[in-house]
Amino acid sequence: MEESDKFKRIVEARMKLKARFEGKIRSTPSVSDDKPLGKGKANRHGMPQVPVGQTVTSKWPVLDLGTQPEISTENWSL
């Protein structure tokens, strides 16, 4: 195999890889969404820091389903 043939194959393979990579990048949310949903300034990926349905809290992180069941303290323990 000649050196020039090997070089051509390497260049072709790299160009295919580059095209595949660019296609994947175009399909990521930060690039494909015209206006990403959420609140707050953009993070390093270009998406809002707080996703839809979540709120920022300075206390312990809480998962909130919107409704809290009423359970007496006699029925649960940590």
N, C-alpha and C. Protein backbone atom coordinates (compact mmCIF):
# COMPACT_ATOMS: atom_id res chain seq x y z
N MET A 1 0.85 -1.17 0.00
CA MET A 1 0.00 0.00 0.00
C MET A 1 0.90 1.24 0.00
N GLU A 2 0.59 2.12 -0.87
CA GLU A 2 1.38 3.34 -0.94
C GLU A 2 0.99 4.29 0.18
N GLU A 3 1.92 5.15 0.48
CA GLU A 3 1.71 6.15 1.54
C GLU A 3 0.56 7.10 1.17
N SER A 4 0.45 7.46 -0.11
CA SER A 4 -0.61 8.40 -0.52
C SER A 4 -1.99 7.75 -0.41
N ASP A 5 -2.10 6.43 -0.70
CA ASP A 5 -3.38 5.73 -0.55
C ASP A 5 -3.80 5.70 0.92
N LYS A 6 -2.85 5.44 1.77
CA LYS A 6 -3.13 5.40 3.20
C LYS A 6 -3.60 6.78 3.68
N PHE A 7 -2.93 7.81 3.22
CA PHE A 7 -3.29 9.17 3.60
C PHE A 7 -4.70 9.50 3.12
N LYS A 8 -5.04 9.12 1.89
CA LYS A 8 -6.39 9.38 1.35
C LYS A 8 -7.45 8.67 2.18
N ARG A 9 -7.19 7.42 2.57
CA ARG A 9 -8.16 6.68 3.39
C ARG A 9 -8.35 7.34 4.75
N ILE A 10 -7.27 7.82 5.32
CA ILE A 10 -7.35 8.50 6.62
C ILE A 10 -8.18 9.77 6.50
N VAL A 11 -7.92 10.55 5.46
CA VAL A 11 -8.66 11.80 5.25
C VAL A 11 -10.14 11.50 5.03
N GLU A 12 -10.47 10.51 4.21
CA GLU A 12 -11.87 10.14 3.96
C GLU A 12 -12.56 9.70 5.25
N ALA A 13 -11.89 8.89 6.05
CA ALA A 13 -12.47 8.42 7.31
C ALA A 13 -12.71 9.58 8.26
N ARG A 14 -11.78 10.51 8.33
CA ARG A 14 -11.94 11.66 9.22
C ARG A 14 -13.08 12.56 8.76
N MET A 15 -13.24 12.73 7.46
CA MET A 15 -14.32 13.56 6.94
C MET A 15 -15.68 12.92 7.23
N LYS A 16 -15.78 11.59 7.12
CA LYS A 16 -17.02 10.89 7.47
C LYS A 16 -17.32 11.05 8.95
N LEU A 17 -16.30 10.92 9.78
CA LEU A 17 -16.47 11.09 11.22
C LEU A 17 -16.93 12.51 11.55
N LYS A 18 -16.33 13.49 10.90
CA LYS A 18 -16.70 14.89 11.12
C LYS A 18 -18.16 15.13 10.74
N ALA A 19 -18.59 14.58 9.60
CA ALA A 19 -19.98 14.74 9.16
C ALA A 19 -20.94 14.09 10.15
N ARG A 20 -20.60 12.90 10.65
CA ARG A 20 -21.44 12.22 11.64
C ARG A 20 -21.53 13.05 12.91
N PHE A 21 -20.41 13.57 13.37
CA PHE A 21 -20.37 14.38 14.58
C PHE A 21 -21.22 15.64 14.43
N GLU A 22 -21.08 16.32 13.30
CA GLU A 22 -21.86 17.54 13.07
C GLU A 22 -23.35 17.25 13.04
N GLY A 23 -23.74 16.10 12.48
CA GLY A 23 -25.15 15.71 12.47
C GLY A 23 -25.69 15.50 13.88
N LYS A 24 -24.89 14.88 14.74
CA LYS A 24 -25.31 14.66 16.12
C LYS A 24 -25.41 15.99 16.87
N ILE A 25 -24.49 16.89 16.64
CA ILE A 25 -24.51 18.19 17.31
C ILE A 25 -25.76 18.97 16.91
N ARG A 26 -26.14 18.92 15.63
CA ARG A 26 -27.33 19.65 15.18
C ARG A 26 -28.60 19.12 15.85
N SER A 27 -28.60 17.87 16.27
CA SER A 27 -29.81 17.30 16.87
C SER A 27 -29.86 17.46 18.39
N THR A 28 -28.84 18.06 19.00
CA THR A 28 -28.87 18.27 20.45
C THR A 28 -29.85 19.38 20.79
N PRO A 29 -30.49 19.32 21.96
CA PRO A 29 -31.51 20.30 22.31
C PRO A 29 -31.03 21.74 22.27
N SER A 30 -29.82 22.02 22.72
CA SER A 30 -29.37 23.40 22.78
C SER A 30 -29.22 24.02 21.40
N VAL A 31 -29.00 23.22 20.39
CA VAL A 31 -28.82 23.74 19.04
C VAL A 31 -30.11 23.64 18.23
N SER A 32 -30.86 22.56 18.42
CA SER A 32 -32.04 22.32 17.59
C SER A 32 -33.28 23.10 18.05
N ASP A 33 -33.35 23.49 19.32
CA ASP A 33 -34.50 24.25 19.81
C ASP A 33 -34.31 25.73 19.53
N ASP A 34 -35.33 26.34 18.89
CA ASP A 34 -35.26 27.78 18.66
C ASP A 34 -35.31 28.54 19.98
N LYS A 35 -36.21 28.09 20.86
CA LYS A 35 -36.34 28.73 22.16
C LYS A 35 -36.54 27.63 23.20
N PRO A 36 -35.47 27.19 23.86
CA PRO A 36 -35.60 26.13 24.87
C PRO A 36 -36.51 26.57 26.02
N LEU A 37 -37.28 25.63 26.55
CA LEU A 37 -38.19 25.92 27.66
C LEU A 37 -37.44 25.86 28.97
N GLY A 38 -37.89 26.65 29.94
CA GLY A 38 -37.28 26.65 31.25
C GLY A 38 -37.10 28.08 31.74
N LYS A 39 -36.41 28.20 32.88
CA LYS A 39 -36.18 29.52 33.48
C LYS A 39 -34.70 29.70 33.79
N GLY A 40 -34.32 30.93 33.96
CA GLY A 40 -32.95 31.23 34.38
C GLY A 40 -32.02 31.47 33.21
N LYS A 41 -30.82 31.90 33.57
CA LYS A 41 -29.84 32.16 32.51
C LYS A 41 -29.38 30.84 31.90
N ALA A 42 -28.80 30.94 30.74
CA ALA A 42 -28.37 29.74 30.02
C ALA A 42 -27.16 29.09 30.68
N ASN A 43 -27.16 27.76 30.71
CA ASN A 43 -26.00 27.04 31.24
C ASN A 43 -24.96 26.90 30.14
N ARG A 44 -23.92 26.11 30.37
CA ARG A 44 -22.85 26.00 29.38
C ARG A 44 -23.29 25.30 28.10
N HIS A 45 -24.44 24.63 28.12
CA HIS A 45 -24.96 23.97 26.93
C HIS A 45 -25.98 24.84 26.20
N GLY A 46 -26.26 26.02 26.73
CA GLY A 46 -27.22 26.91 26.10
C GLY A 46 -28.65 26.68 26.54
N MET A 47 -28.86 25.80 27.49
CA MET A 47 -30.20 25.50 27.98
C MET A 47 -30.47 26.29 29.25
N PRO A 48 -31.75 26.60 29.54
CA PRO A 48 -32.06 27.28 30.80
C PRO A 48 -31.63 26.43 31.99
N GLN A 49 -31.20 27.09 33.07
CA GLN A 49 -30.71 26.35 34.23
C GLN A 49 -31.81 25.58 34.95
N VAL A 50 -33.02 26.10 34.93
CA VAL A 50 -34.12 25.44 35.64
C VAL A 50 -35.12 24.89 34.62
N PRO A 51 -35.25 23.56 34.53
CA PRO A 51 -36.20 22.97 33.58
C PRO A 51 -37.65 23.29 33.93
N VAL A 52 -38.51 23.09 32.97
CA VAL A 52 -39.95 23.33 33.15
C VAL A 52 -40.47 22.49 34.31
N GLY A 53 -41.27 23.08 35.18
CA GLY A 53 -41.88 22.36 36.28
C GLY A 53 -41.01 22.27 37.52
N GLN A 54 -39.80 22.81 37.50
CA GLN A 54 -38.93 22.80 38.67
C GLN A 54 -38.73 24.22 39.16
N THR A 55 -38.45 24.33 40.46
CA THR A 55 -38.20 25.64 41.05
C THR A 55 -36.87 25.63 41.78
N VAL A 56 -36.28 26.80 41.90
CA VAL A 56 -35.01 26.93 42.62
C VAL A 56 -35.32 27.11 44.10
N THR A 57 -34.59 26.39 44.95
CA THR A 57 -34.75 26.53 46.39
C THR A 57 -33.39 26.62 47.03
N SER A 58 -33.29 27.40 48.09
CA SER A 58 -32.01 27.52 48.79
C SER A 58 -31.93 26.51 49.93
N LYS A 59 -33.03 25.81 50.18
CA LYS A 59 -33.06 24.79 51.22
C LYS A 59 -32.71 23.43 50.62
N TRP A 60 -32.94 22.40 51.35
CA TRP A 60 -32.69 21.04 50.90
C TRP A 60 -33.45 20.79 49.60
N PRO A 61 -32.82 20.16 48.60
CA PRO A 61 -33.53 19.89 47.34
C PRO A 61 -34.79 19.05 47.58
N VAL A 62 -35.88 19.46 46.98
CA VAL A 62 -37.16 18.79 47.18
C VAL A 62 -37.74 18.41 45.82
N LEU A 63 -38.17 17.16 45.69
CA LEU A 63 -38.93 16.76 44.52
C LEU A 63 -40.39 17.02 44.83
N ASP A 64 -41.05 17.82 44.03
CA ASP A 64 -42.42 18.22 44.31
C ASP A 64 -43.32 17.74 43.19
N LEU A 65 -44.29 16.90 43.53
CA LEU A 65 -45.26 16.42 42.55
C LEU A 65 -46.47 17.33 42.46
N GLY A 66 -46.50 18.38 43.27
CA GLY A 66 -47.62 19.30 43.25
C GLY A 66 -48.64 19.02 44.34
N THR A 67 -48.75 17.77 44.76
CA THR A 67 -49.67 17.42 45.85
C THR A 67 -48.90 16.62 46.88
N GLN A 68 -49.18 16.88 48.14
CA GLN A 68 -48.54 16.14 49.22
C GLN A 68 -49.61 15.35 49.97
N PRO A 69 -49.42 14.05 50.10
CA PRO A 69 -50.40 13.26 50.84
C PRO A 69 -50.33 13.58 52.33
N GLU A 70 -51.46 13.45 52.98
CA GLU A 70 -51.50 13.69 54.42
C GLU A 70 -51.27 12.36 55.12
N ILE A 71 -50.11 12.23 55.76
CA ILE A 71 -49.75 11.01 56.47
C ILE A 71 -49.41 11.40 57.90
N SER A 72 -50.05 10.74 58.85
CA SER A 72 -49.77 11.06 60.25
C SER A 72 -48.38 10.58 60.62
N THR A 73 -47.76 11.24 61.58
CA THR A 73 -46.39 10.89 61.99
C THR A 73 -46.33 9.52 62.65
N GLU A 74 -47.45 8.96 63.03
CA GLU A 74 -47.47 7.62 63.63
C GLU A 74 -47.24 6.54 62.56
N ASN A 75 -47.52 6.87 61.30
CA ASN A 75 -47.45 5.88 60.22
C ASN A 75 -46.13 5.88 59.45
N TRP A 76 -45.16 6.70 59.83
CA TRP A 76 -43.89 6.71 59.10
C TRP A 76 -42.73 6.91 60.05
N SER A 77 -41.56 6.55 59.59
CA SER A 77 -40.33 6.78 60.37
C SER A 77 -39.16 6.87 59.40
N LEU A 78 -38.09 7.45 59.88
CA LEU A 78 -36.87 7.55 59.07
C LEU A 78 -35.90 6.47 59.48
